Amino acid sequence: MIKIRKAKETDFEDIWDIFHQIVKRGDTFAFDPEAPKEDCRTLWMSSSVHTYVAEFQNKILGTYILRKNQPGLGAHVANAAYMVHPEARWQGIGKAMGSQSIKQAKKQGFSAIQFNFVVSTNIVAIQLWLKLGFKIVGTVPKAFNHQKLGFVDIYIMHRFV
C-alpha cells in the first residue's frame, strides 16, 4: 500500500534523486536540466511549501509540494507540483498523490488548485489530472522548450476542492 506523509529533512536525498532524474530529461518541467541540488532544496524544502513523499515498502517513490499559488488576494488558490520516480511509473503513485493533495488543499483552507505549467506533451499527467476533476482553463502557445520536440504549448489547469 502506498503511504503518503509529510516529508522530513532526512528525506531530501531521495527527493533530490527523483527531482534530478525527472528534471534532467527536459520534457515535463521548466527547471534547468542541470539544476543543482540546492535549487531542488530551495524549491522543495522551503518553509513556504508543504512537501510530501509517497512511500511503498519503506522506499520513497514520489513527492509533491503544495503551496499558495499567489500571495495576498490570490492565496486562497493552491499550486502543486508532483514527481514520480521514473522506475515507479504506472503503480498508482501519481494518482494517490493527486487525490491526497486535493484533500490536503481543502484541509489547509484552499478553495482550488491551479497548475500553472502543464506541458501539453505530458499526456499521462494531463489524463490523470482530467480524471481527478481538473480542467484545462488556458493554453500558452509554445511556452516550453521541450528538449526533444522543441517549443510546445503549456496548459493551465484548475479545479475547485
N, C-alpha and C. Protein backbone atom coordinates (compact mmCIF):
# COMPACT_ATOMS: atom_id res chain seq x y z
N MET A 1 0.84 -1.19 0.00
CA MET A 1 0.00 0.00 0.00
C MET A 1 0.88 1.25 0.00
N ILE A 2 0.50 2.23 -0.78
CA ILE A 2 1.23 3.48 -0.87
C ILE A 2 0.88 4.34 0.34
N LYS A 3 1.91 4.82 1.02
CA LYS A 3 1.73 5.70 2.17
C LYS A 3 2.24 7.09 1.79
N ILE A 4 1.40 8.10 2.01
CA ILE A 4 1.80 9.47 1.73
C ILE A 4 1.90 10.20 3.06
N ARG A 5 3.02 10.88 3.26
CA ARG A 5 3.25 11.58 4.53
C ARG A 5 4.02 12.86 4.27
N LYS A 6 4.02 13.73 5.28
CA LYS A 6 4.83 14.95 5.22
C LYS A 6 6.29 14.55 5.10
N ALA A 7 7.02 15.26 4.28
CA ALA A 7 8.46 14.98 4.13
C ALA A 7 9.22 15.49 5.34
N LYS A 8 10.30 14.81 5.62
CA LYS A 8 11.24 15.22 6.68
C LYS A 8 12.55 15.62 6.00
N GLU A 9 13.36 16.36 6.71
CA GLU A 9 14.66 16.77 6.17
C GLU A 9 15.48 15.55 5.74
N THR A 10 15.33 14.45 6.47
CA THR A 10 16.09 13.24 6.15
C THR A 10 15.64 12.59 4.84
N ASP A 11 14.52 13.04 4.28
CA ASP A 11 14.02 12.52 3.00
C ASP A 11 14.66 13.23 1.81
N PHE A 12 15.40 14.29 2.07
CA PHE A 12 15.84 15.14 0.97
C PHE A 12 16.67 14.41 -0.08
N GLU A 13 17.55 13.52 0.30
CA GLU A 13 18.38 12.83 -0.70
C GLU A 13 17.51 12.02 -1.66
N ASP A 14 16.45 11.38 -1.15
CA ASP A 14 15.53 10.63 -2.02
C ASP A 14 14.74 11.58 -2.91
N ILE A 15 14.31 12.71 -2.34
CA ILE A 15 13.60 13.72 -3.13
C ILE A 15 14.51 14.25 -4.24
N TRP A 16 15.76 14.53 -3.89
CA TRP A 16 16.72 15.02 -4.88
C TRP A 16 16.91 14.00 -6.00
N ASP A 17 16.99 12.73 -5.66
CA ASP A 17 17.17 11.69 -6.68
C ASP A 17 16.01 11.72 -7.67
N ILE A 18 14.79 11.81 -7.17
CA ILE A 18 13.62 11.86 -8.04
C ILE A 18 13.64 13.14 -8.87
N PHE A 19 13.82 14.27 -8.21
CA PHE A 19 13.85 15.58 -8.87
C PHE A 19 14.89 15.58 -10.00
N HIS A 20 16.10 15.16 -9.69
CA HIS A 20 17.19 15.18 -10.67
C HIS A 20 16.87 14.30 -11.88
N GLN A 21 16.35 13.10 -11.63
CA GLN A 21 16.05 12.20 -12.75
C GLN A 21 14.95 12.75 -13.65
N ILE A 22 13.95 13.39 -13.05
CA ILE A 22 12.86 13.94 -13.84
C ILE A 22 13.31 15.19 -14.60
N VAL A 23 13.94 16.11 -13.90
CA VAL A 23 14.31 17.40 -14.49
C VAL A 23 15.35 17.26 -15.59
N LYS A 24 16.30 16.35 -15.43
CA LYS A 24 17.37 16.23 -16.44
C LYS A 24 16.85 15.78 -17.80
N ARG A 25 15.66 15.18 -17.85
CA ARG A 25 15.09 14.75 -19.13
C ARG A 25 14.63 15.93 -19.98
N GLY A 26 14.26 17.03 -19.32
CA GLY A 26 13.86 18.23 -20.06
C GLY A 26 12.57 18.08 -20.84
N ASP A 27 11.63 17.26 -20.32
CA ASP A 27 10.39 17.06 -21.07
C ASP A 27 9.11 17.35 -20.30
N THR A 28 9.21 17.68 -19.00
CA THR A 28 7.99 17.93 -18.24
C THR A 28 8.05 19.13 -17.30
N PHE A 29 9.21 19.60 -16.94
CA PHE A 29 9.35 20.73 -16.03
C PHE A 29 10.24 21.79 -16.65
N ALA A 30 9.97 23.05 -16.34
CA ALA A 30 10.74 24.16 -16.90
C ALA A 30 12.09 24.37 -16.22
N PHE A 31 12.35 23.65 -15.15
CA PHE A 31 13.63 23.80 -14.46
C PHE A 31 14.78 23.46 -15.40
N ASP A 32 15.91 24.12 -15.18
CA ASP A 32 17.13 23.83 -15.94
C ASP A 32 17.47 22.35 -15.77
N PRO A 33 17.66 21.61 -16.87
CA PRO A 33 18.00 20.19 -16.75
C PRO A 33 19.26 19.93 -15.92
N GLU A 34 20.10 20.94 -15.80
CA GLU A 34 21.32 20.80 -14.99
C GLU A 34 21.17 21.48 -13.63
N ALA A 35 19.94 21.66 -13.18
CA ALA A 35 19.69 22.35 -11.91
C ALA A 35 20.46 21.67 -10.77
N PRO A 36 21.16 22.46 -9.97
CA PRO A 36 21.93 21.88 -8.86
C PRO A 36 21.03 21.48 -7.69
N LYS A 37 21.57 20.67 -6.84
CA LYS A 37 20.86 20.15 -5.68
C LYS A 37 20.26 21.27 -4.82
N GLU A 38 20.97 22.37 -4.68
CA GLU A 38 20.46 23.46 -3.84
C GLU A 38 19.21 24.10 -4.42
N ASP A 39 19.07 24.10 -5.75
CA ASP A 39 17.82 24.59 -6.35
C ASP A 39 16.66 23.71 -5.94
N CYS A 40 16.87 22.42 -5.94
CA CYS A 40 15.84 21.49 -5.51
C CYS A 40 15.49 21.74 -4.05
N ARG A 41 16.49 21.89 -3.21
CA ARG A 41 16.24 22.14 -1.78
C ARG A 41 15.41 23.41 -1.61
N THR A 42 15.77 24.47 -2.33
CA THR A 42 15.05 25.74 -2.22
C THR A 42 13.60 25.58 -2.67
N LEU A 43 13.38 24.89 -3.78
CA LEU A 43 12.03 24.71 -4.31
C LEU A 43 11.18 23.76 -3.48
N TRP A 44 11.77 22.66 -3.06
CA TRP A 44 11.01 21.57 -2.48
C TRP A 44 10.98 21.57 -0.94
N MET A 45 11.95 22.19 -0.30
CA MET A 45 12.06 22.05 1.15
C MET A 45 11.93 23.38 1.90
N SER A 46 11.56 24.45 1.23
CA SER A 46 11.48 25.75 1.91
C SER A 46 10.27 25.78 2.84
N SER A 47 10.28 26.72 3.76
CA SER A 47 9.20 26.82 4.74
C SER A 47 7.89 27.29 4.12
N SER A 48 7.92 27.81 2.90
CA SER A 48 6.70 28.30 2.26
C SER A 48 5.94 27.21 1.50
N VAL A 49 6.47 26.00 1.49
CA VAL A 49 5.79 24.89 0.81
C VAL A 49 5.53 23.75 1.78
N HIS A 50 4.49 23.00 1.49
CA HIS A 50 4.20 21.77 2.22
C HIS A 50 4.68 20.64 1.32
N THR A 51 5.64 19.88 1.79
CA THR A 51 6.25 18.84 0.98
C THR A 51 5.83 17.48 1.50
N TYR A 52 5.46 16.60 0.57
CA TYR A 52 5.00 15.26 0.91
C TYR A 52 5.81 14.24 0.11
N VAL A 53 5.88 13.04 0.64
CA VAL A 53 6.51 11.93 -0.08
C VAL A 53 5.54 10.76 -0.12
N ALA A 54 5.66 9.96 -1.18
CA ALA A 54 4.89 8.73 -1.32
C ALA A 54 5.86 7.57 -1.14
N GLU A 55 5.54 6.71 -0.19
CA GLU A 55 6.39 5.56 0.12
C GLU A 55 5.67 4.26 -0.22
N PHE A 56 6.44 3.32 -0.66
CA PHE A 56 5.96 1.95 -0.83
C PHE A 56 7.07 1.05 -0.34
N GLN A 57 6.74 0.18 0.59
CA GLN A 57 7.72 -0.73 1.20
C GLN A 57 8.95 0.04 1.69
N ASN A 58 8.68 1.14 2.40
CA ASN A 58 9.71 1.99 3.02
C ASN A 58 10.67 2.64 2.03
N LYS A 59 10.28 2.72 0.75
CA LYS A 59 11.10 3.41 -0.25
C LYS A 59 10.30 4.58 -0.80
N ILE A 60 10.93 5.74 -0.86
CA ILE A 60 10.27 6.93 -1.40
C ILE A 60 10.28 6.86 -2.92
N LEU A 61 9.07 6.85 -3.49
CA LEU A 61 8.92 6.70 -4.94
C LEU A 61 8.29 7.91 -5.60
N GLY A 62 7.84 8.85 -4.80
CA GLY A 62 7.22 10.05 -5.35
C GLY A 62 7.24 11.18 -4.35
N THR A 63 7.03 12.38 -4.84
CA THR A 63 6.99 13.55 -3.96
C THR A 63 6.11 14.61 -4.60
N TYR A 64 5.49 15.41 -3.75
CA TYR A 64 4.77 16.57 -4.27
C TYR A 64 4.86 17.71 -3.28
N ILE A 65 4.66 18.92 -3.81
CA ILE A 65 4.60 20.11 -2.98
C ILE A 65 3.26 20.79 -3.17
N LEU A 66 2.81 21.44 -2.11
CA LEU A 66 1.56 22.20 -2.12
C LEU A 66 1.89 23.55 -1.50
N ARG A 67 1.46 24.61 -2.18
CA ARG A 67 1.76 25.96 -1.70
C ARG A 67 0.72 26.94 -2.22
N LYS A 68 0.79 28.17 -1.75
CA LYS A 68 -0.07 29.22 -2.28
C LYS A 68 0.33 29.48 -3.73
N ASN A 69 -0.67 29.61 -4.59
CA ASN A 69 -0.38 29.94 -5.98
C ASN A 69 0.10 31.38 -6.11
N GLN A 70 -0.49 32.26 -5.33
CA GLN A 70 -0.13 33.68 -5.34
C GLN A 70 -0.22 34.20 -3.90
N PRO A 71 0.46 35.29 -3.60
CA PRO A 71 0.33 35.87 -2.26
C PRO A 71 -0.96 36.68 -2.13
N GLY A 72 -1.24 37.13 -0.94
CA GLY A 72 -2.32 38.09 -0.69
C GLY A 72 -3.67 37.65 -1.20
N LEU A 73 -4.23 38.41 -2.12
CA LEU A 73 -5.59 38.19 -2.58
C LEU A 73 -5.74 36.96 -3.48
N GLY A 74 -4.63 36.32 -3.81
CA GLY A 74 -4.67 35.07 -4.58
C GLY A 74 -4.30 33.86 -3.75
N ALA A 75 -4.13 34.06 -2.45
CA ALA A 75 -3.62 33.00 -1.57
C ALA A 75 -4.64 31.90 -1.26
N HIS A 76 -5.88 32.07 -1.68
CA HIS A 76 -6.90 31.04 -1.44
C HIS A 76 -6.81 29.90 -2.47
N VAL A 77 -5.99 30.07 -3.50
CA VAL A 77 -5.80 29.04 -4.53
C VAL A 77 -4.42 28.42 -4.33
N ALA A 78 -4.39 27.10 -4.30
CA ALA A 78 -3.13 26.38 -4.13
C ALA A 78 -2.47 26.14 -5.48
N ASN A 79 -1.20 25.85 -5.42
CA ASN A 79 -0.42 25.40 -6.56
C ASN A 79 0.29 24.14 -6.10
N ALA A 80 0.54 23.23 -7.00
CA ALA A 80 1.22 21.99 -6.62
C ALA A 80 2.09 21.50 -7.77
N ALA A 81 3.08 20.68 -7.41
CA ALA A 81 3.95 20.03 -8.40
C ALA A 81 4.21 18.63 -7.90
N TYR A 82 4.26 17.68 -8.82
CA TYR A 82 4.36 16.26 -8.48
C TYR A 82 5.47 15.61 -9.29
N MET A 83 6.16 14.68 -8.67
CA MET A 83 7.17 13.90 -9.38
C MET A 83 7.13 12.46 -8.89
N VAL A 84 7.16 11.54 -9.83
CA VAL A 84 7.22 10.11 -9.52
C VAL A 84 8.53 9.57 -10.07
N HIS A 85 9.21 8.78 -9.28
CA HIS A 85 10.47 8.17 -9.73
C HIS A 85 10.22 7.44 -11.05
N PRO A 86 11.09 7.64 -12.06
CA PRO A 86 10.87 7.00 -13.36
C PRO A 86 10.69 5.48 -13.30
N GLU A 87 11.33 4.83 -12.36
CA GLU A 87 11.21 3.37 -12.25
C GLU A 87 9.93 2.95 -11.53
N ALA A 88 9.15 3.91 -11.04
CA ALA A 88 7.94 3.60 -10.28
C ALA A 88 6.67 4.05 -10.99
N ARG A 89 6.79 4.39 -12.26
CA ARG A 89 5.60 4.83 -13.00
C ARG A 89 4.62 3.67 -13.18
N TRP A 90 3.36 4.03 -13.37
CA TRP A 90 2.27 3.08 -13.62
C TRP A 90 1.96 2.20 -12.41
N GLN A 91 2.25 2.69 -11.22
CA GLN A 91 1.93 1.95 -9.99
C GLN A 91 0.89 2.67 -9.15
N GLY A 92 0.27 3.71 -9.68
CA GLY A 92 -0.76 4.45 -8.97
C GLY A 92 -0.24 5.51 -8.02
N ILE A 93 1.05 5.79 -8.08
CA ILE A 93 1.64 6.76 -7.15
C ILE A 93 1.18 8.18 -7.48
N GLY A 94 1.20 8.55 -8.73
CA GLY A 94 0.74 9.88 -9.13
C GLY A 94 -0.71 10.09 -8.76
N LYS A 95 -1.54 9.10 -9.01
CA LYS A 95 -2.97 9.20 -8.68
C LYS A 95 -3.16 9.33 -7.17
N ALA A 96 -2.42 8.54 -6.40
CA ALA A 96 -2.53 8.61 -4.94
C ALA A 96 -2.11 9.99 -4.43
N MET A 97 -1.00 10.51 -4.96
CA MET A 97 -0.54 11.84 -4.53
C MET A 97 -1.53 12.92 -4.96
N GLY A 98 -2.04 12.82 -6.19
CA GLY A 98 -3.01 13.80 -6.67
C GLY A 98 -4.27 13.82 -5.83
N SER A 99 -4.80 12.64 -5.54
CA SER A 99 -6.02 12.54 -4.72
C SER A 99 -5.78 13.09 -3.32
N GLN A 100 -4.64 12.73 -2.74
CA GLN A 100 -4.33 13.19 -1.39
C GLN A 100 -4.10 14.69 -1.37
N SER A 101 -3.51 15.24 -2.41
CA SER A 101 -3.24 16.68 -2.43
C SER A 101 -4.53 17.49 -2.50
N ILE A 102 -5.53 16.96 -3.16
CA ILE A 102 -6.83 17.65 -3.21
C ILE A 102 -7.42 17.72 -1.81
N LYS A 103 -7.37 16.61 -1.08
CA LYS A 103 -7.86 16.60 0.31
C LYS A 103 -7.03 17.52 1.18
N GLN A 104 -5.72 17.48 0.99
CA GLN A 104 -4.81 18.30 1.79
C GLN A 104 -5.05 19.79 1.52
N ALA A 105 -5.29 20.15 0.26
CA ALA A 105 -5.56 21.55 -0.08
C ALA A 105 -6.82 22.03 0.63
N LYS A 106 -7.85 21.21 0.61
CA LYS A 106 -9.10 21.58 1.29
C LYS A 106 -8.85 21.72 2.79
N LYS A 107 -8.13 20.77 3.36
CA LYS A 107 -7.82 20.78 4.80
C LYS A 107 -7.04 22.04 5.18
N GLN A 108 -6.19 22.51 4.29
CA GLN A 108 -5.37 23.69 4.56
C GLN A 108 -6.11 25.00 4.25
N GLY A 109 -7.37 24.90 3.84
CA GLY A 109 -8.18 26.09 3.63
C GLY A 109 -8.16 26.67 2.23
N PHE A 110 -7.56 25.98 1.29
CA PHE A 110 -7.58 26.45 -0.10
C PHE A 110 -8.94 26.15 -0.71
N SER A 111 -9.37 26.96 -1.67
CA SER A 111 -10.64 26.71 -2.35
C SER A 111 -10.46 26.01 -3.69
N ALA A 112 -9.23 26.00 -4.20
CA ALA A 112 -8.96 25.41 -5.51
C ALA A 112 -7.47 25.10 -5.62
N ILE A 113 -7.15 24.31 -6.64
CA ILE A 113 -5.75 24.06 -7.01
C ILE A 113 -5.59 24.48 -8.46
N GLN A 114 -4.52 25.18 -8.74
CA GLN A 114 -4.21 25.60 -10.11
C GLN A 114 -2.81 25.14 -10.47
N PHE A 115 -2.70 24.49 -11.61
CA PHE A 115 -1.39 24.14 -12.15
C PHE A 115 -1.07 25.18 -13.22
N ASN A 116 0.03 25.86 -13.08
CA ASN A 116 0.37 26.96 -13.98
C ASN A 116 1.14 26.53 -15.22
N PHE A 117 1.68 25.30 -15.21
CA PHE A 117 2.63 24.96 -16.27
C PHE A 117 2.60 23.45 -16.52
N VAL A 118 1.56 22.98 -17.20
CA VAL A 118 1.47 21.56 -17.55
C VAL A 118 1.85 21.44 -19.03
N VAL A 119 2.94 20.77 -19.29
CA VAL A 119 3.44 20.64 -20.66
C VAL A 119 2.46 19.81 -21.48
N SER A 120 2.05 20.34 -22.62
CA SER A 120 1.00 19.72 -23.44
C SER A 120 1.35 18.33 -23.94
N THR A 121 2.62 18.00 -24.01
CA THR A 121 3.03 16.67 -24.45
C THR A 121 3.11 15.67 -23.31
N ASN A 122 2.85 16.11 -22.08
CA ASN A 122 2.86 15.22 -20.92
C ASN A 122 1.47 14.59 -20.78
N ILE A 123 1.15 13.74 -21.75
CA ILE A 123 -0.20 13.17 -21.89
C ILE A 123 -0.61 12.38 -20.65
N VAL A 124 0.29 11.62 -20.08
CA VAL A 124 -0.04 10.81 -18.89
C VAL A 124 -0.52 11.71 -17.76
N ALA A 125 0.21 12.78 -17.50
CA ALA A 125 -0.18 13.70 -16.43
C ALA A 125 -1.51 14.38 -16.76
N ILE A 126 -1.68 14.83 -17.97
CA ILE A 126 -2.91 15.52 -18.36
C ILE A 126 -4.11 14.60 -18.18
N GLN A 127 -3.99 13.35 -18.64
CA GLN A 127 -5.09 12.40 -18.47
C GLN A 127 -5.40 12.16 -17.00
N LEU A 128 -4.38 12.07 -16.16
CA LEU A 128 -4.60 11.88 -14.73
C LEU A 128 -5.32 13.08 -14.14
N TRP A 129 -4.86 14.29 -14.44
CA TRP A 129 -5.49 15.47 -13.86
C TRP A 129 -6.93 15.61 -14.33
N LEU A 130 -7.21 15.28 -15.58
CA LEU A 130 -8.59 15.33 -16.06
C LEU A 130 -9.45 14.32 -15.30
N LYS A 131 -8.93 13.11 -15.07
CA LYS A 131 -9.67 12.10 -14.29
C LYS A 131 -9.95 12.57 -12.87
N LEU A 132 -9.03 13.35 -12.32
CA LEU A 132 -9.19 13.84 -10.95
C LEU A 132 -10.00 15.14 -10.88
N GLY A 133 -10.61 15.53 -12.00
CA GLY A 133 -11.53 16.66 -11.98
C GLY A 133 -10.95 18.01 -12.38
N PHE A 134 -9.70 18.03 -12.80
CA PHE A 134 -9.11 19.29 -13.26
C PHE A 134 -9.60 19.59 -14.68
N LYS A 135 -9.62 20.86 -15.02
CA LYS A 135 -9.98 21.28 -16.36
C LYS A 135 -8.84 22.13 -16.93
N ILE A 136 -8.67 22.05 -18.23
CA ILE A 136 -7.73 22.94 -18.90
C ILE A 136 -8.45 24.27 -19.06
N VAL A 137 -7.92 25.31 -18.43
CA VAL A 137 -8.57 26.62 -18.47
C VAL A 137 -7.80 27.63 -19.32
N GLY A 138 -6.64 27.22 -19.80
CA GLY A 138 -5.87 28.12 -20.64
C GLY A 138 -4.73 27.39 -21.33
N THR A 139 -4.31 27.95 -22.44
CA THR A 139 -3.17 27.42 -23.20
C THR A 139 -2.22 28.58 -23.47
N VAL A 140 -0.95 28.33 -23.24
CA VAL A 140 0.07 29.32 -23.58
C VAL A 140 0.88 28.72 -24.73
N PRO A 141 0.77 29.30 -25.92
CA PRO A 141 1.43 28.72 -27.09
C PRO A 141 2.96 28.72 -26.99
N LYS A 142 3.51 27.57 -27.31
CA LYS A 142 4.97 27.41 -27.45
C LYS A 142 5.76 27.98 -26.26
N ALA A 143 5.28 27.74 -25.05
CA ALA A 143 5.90 28.31 -23.85
C ALA A 143 6.95 27.41 -23.21
N PHE A 144 7.08 26.18 -23.71
CA PHE A 144 8.06 25.25 -23.13
C PHE A 144 9.00 24.78 -24.22
N ASN A 145 10.29 24.82 -23.93
CA ASN A 145 11.30 24.37 -24.88
C ASN A 145 11.64 22.91 -24.59
N HIS A 146 10.80 22.02 -25.08
CA HIS A 146 10.97 20.57 -24.90
C HIS A 146 12.30 20.16 -25.50
N GLN A 147 13.08 19.39 -24.77
CA GLN A 147 14.43 19.06 -25.21
C GLN A 147 14.49 18.17 -26.44
N LYS A 148 13.39 17.49 -26.78
CA LYS A 148 13.37 16.67 -28.00
C LYS A 148 12.45 17.24 -29.07
N LEU A 149 11.37 17.88 -28.67
CA LEU A 149 10.34 18.31 -29.61
C LEU A 149 10.39 19.79 -29.95
N GLY A 150 11.24 20.54 -29.27
CA GLY A 150 11.27 21.98 -29.49
C GLY A 150 10.16 22.67 -28.72
N PHE A 151 9.72 23.82 -29.22
CA PHE A 151 8.72 24.61 -28.49
C PHE A 151 7.34 23.97 -28.58
N VAL A 152 6.75 23.73 -27.41
CA VAL A 152 5.40 23.15 -27.32
C VAL A 152 4.56 24.00 -26.37
N ASP A 153 3.24 23.84 -26.48
CA ASP A 153 2.31 24.58 -25.63
C ASP A 153 2.35 24.07 -24.19
N ILE A 154 1.90 24.93 -23.30
CA ILE A 154 1.65 24.50 -21.92
C ILE A 154 0.20 24.84 -21.58
N TYR A 155 -0.33 24.09 -20.62
CA TYR A 155 -1.70 24.31 -20.17
C TYR A 155 -1.71 24.84 -18.75
N ILE A 156 -2.74 25.63 -18.48
CA ILE A 156 -3.07 26.00 -17.11
C ILE A 156 -4.28 25.13 -16.77
N MET A 157 -4.18 24.41 -15.65
CA MET A 157 -5.27 23.52 -15.25
C MET A 157 -5.76 23.93 -13.86
N HIS A 158 -7.04 23.67 -13.59
CA HIS A 158 -7.67 24.17 -12.36
C HIS A 158 -8.78 23.22 -11.92
N ARG A 159 -8.98 23.15 -10.62
CA ARG A 159 -10.18 22.51 -10.08
C ARG A 159 -10.46 23.07 -8.71
N PHE A 160 -11.73 23.15 -8.38
CA PHE A 160 -12.12 23.54 -7.03
C PHE A 160 -11.98 22.33 -6.13
N VAL A 161 -11.68 22.59 -4.86
CA VAL A 161 -11.54 21.48 -3.91
C VAL A 161 -12.76 21.41 -3.01
